[in-house]
């Protein structure tokens, strides 16, 4: 059985391997009024490598914003 808080947990929008690109995506989403955040391993800030997922930046949004977030990223 899932709790109500599980239904509002952030969901993955996209994974990137460039922290600068990830921050640009988050800024674009926020400018469209969509809450977004980046999750990453601490190691990704120390070693700029992309082997086996190290360096991966996950862009997370609220479940109810997922479709709007996808649309915001595909629009110019």
Protein backbone atom coordinates (compact mmCIF):
# COMPACT_ATOMS: atom_id res chain seq x y z
CA UNK A 1 0.00 0.00 0.00
CA UNK A 2 1.40 3.42 -0.91
CA UNK A 3 1.03 6.50 1.19
CA UNK A 4 -0.35 9.82 -0.01
CA UNK A 5 3.15 11.30 0.14
CA UNK A 6 4.34 8.72 -2.44
CA UNK A 7 1.85 10.13 -4.92
CA UNK A 8 3.53 13.54 -4.67
CA UNK A 9 7.15 12.38 -4.78
CA UNK A 10 9.17 14.01 -7.56
CA UNK A 11 9.44 12.04 -10.80
CA UNK A 12 12.26 11.85 -13.32
CA UNK A 13 11.91 14.14 -16.32
CA UNK A 14 15.31 13.63 -17.94
CA UNK A 15 18.85 12.56 -17.10
CA UNK A 16 21.81 14.57 -18.36
CA UNK A 17 25.56 14.24 -17.93
CA UNK A 18 26.49 17.92 -18.02
CA UNK A 19 25.82 19.86 -14.79
CA UNK A 20 25.72 23.17 -16.66
CA UNK A 21 23.15 21.82 -19.11
CA UNK A 22 21.13 20.48 -16.18
CA UNK A 23 21.03 23.93 -14.56
CA UNK A 24 19.95 25.49 -17.87
CA UNK A 25 17.09 23.00 -18.15
CA UNK A 26 15.99 23.70 -14.57
CA UNK A 27 16.10 27.45 -15.23
CA UNK A 28 13.96 27.01 -18.38
CA UNK A 29 11.41 24.95 -16.44
CA UNK A 30 11.28 27.46 -13.60
CA UNK A 31 10.78 30.31 -16.06
CA UNK A 32 7.75 28.36 -17.34
CA UNK A 33 6.41 28.20 -13.77
CA UNK A 34 7.37 24.57 -13.19
CA UNK A 35 9.15 23.55 -10.01
CA UNK A 36 12.20 21.47 -10.83
CA UNK A 37 15.34 20.27 -9.11
CA UNK A 38 18.53 18.43 -9.96
CA UNK A 39 19.62 15.35 -8.09
CA UNK A 40 23.09 13.94 -8.54
CA UNK A 41 25.78 12.00 -6.79
CA UNK A 42 28.26 14.16 -4.91
CA UNK A 43 31.04 12.50 -6.89
CA UNK A 44 29.71 14.05 -10.10
CA UNK A 45 30.88 17.48 -8.92
CA UNK A 46 34.38 16.23 -8.10
CA UNK A 47 35.13 13.99 -11.05
CA UNK A 48 33.79 15.06 -14.45
CA UNK A 49 33.35 11.49 -15.72
CA UNK A 50 30.34 9.74 -17.17
CA UNK A 51 31.14 6.05 -16.69
CA UNK A 52 28.39 3.77 -15.36
CA UNK A 53 26.12 6.67 -14.46
CA UNK A 54 28.71 8.64 -12.49
CA UNK A 55 28.16 12.28 -13.31
CA UNK A 56 24.49 11.78 -14.13
CA UNK A 57 22.21 14.73 -13.33
CA UNK A 58 18.54 13.81 -12.88
CA UNK A 59 15.98 16.57 -13.45
CA UNK A 60 13.01 15.93 -11.16
CA UNK A 61 9.55 17.53 -11.29
CA UNK A 62 6.22 17.06 -9.54
CA UNK A 63 4.12 14.28 -11.10
CA UNK A 64 1.36 16.71 -11.98
CA UNK A 65 3.88 18.91 -13.87
CA UNK A 66 5.46 16.13 -15.92
CA UNK A 67 3.54 16.70 -19.16
CA UNK A 68 3.90 20.50 -18.95
CA UNK A 69 7.62 20.08 -18.28
CA UNK A 70 8.05 17.86 -21.34
CA UNK A 71 6.20 20.44 -23.43
CA UNK A 72 8.32 23.28 -22.05
CA UNK A 73 11.49 21.48 -23.09
CA UNK A 74 10.30 20.77 -26.61
CA UNK A 75 9.14 24.34 -27.28
CA UNK A 76 11.54 27.03 -28.41
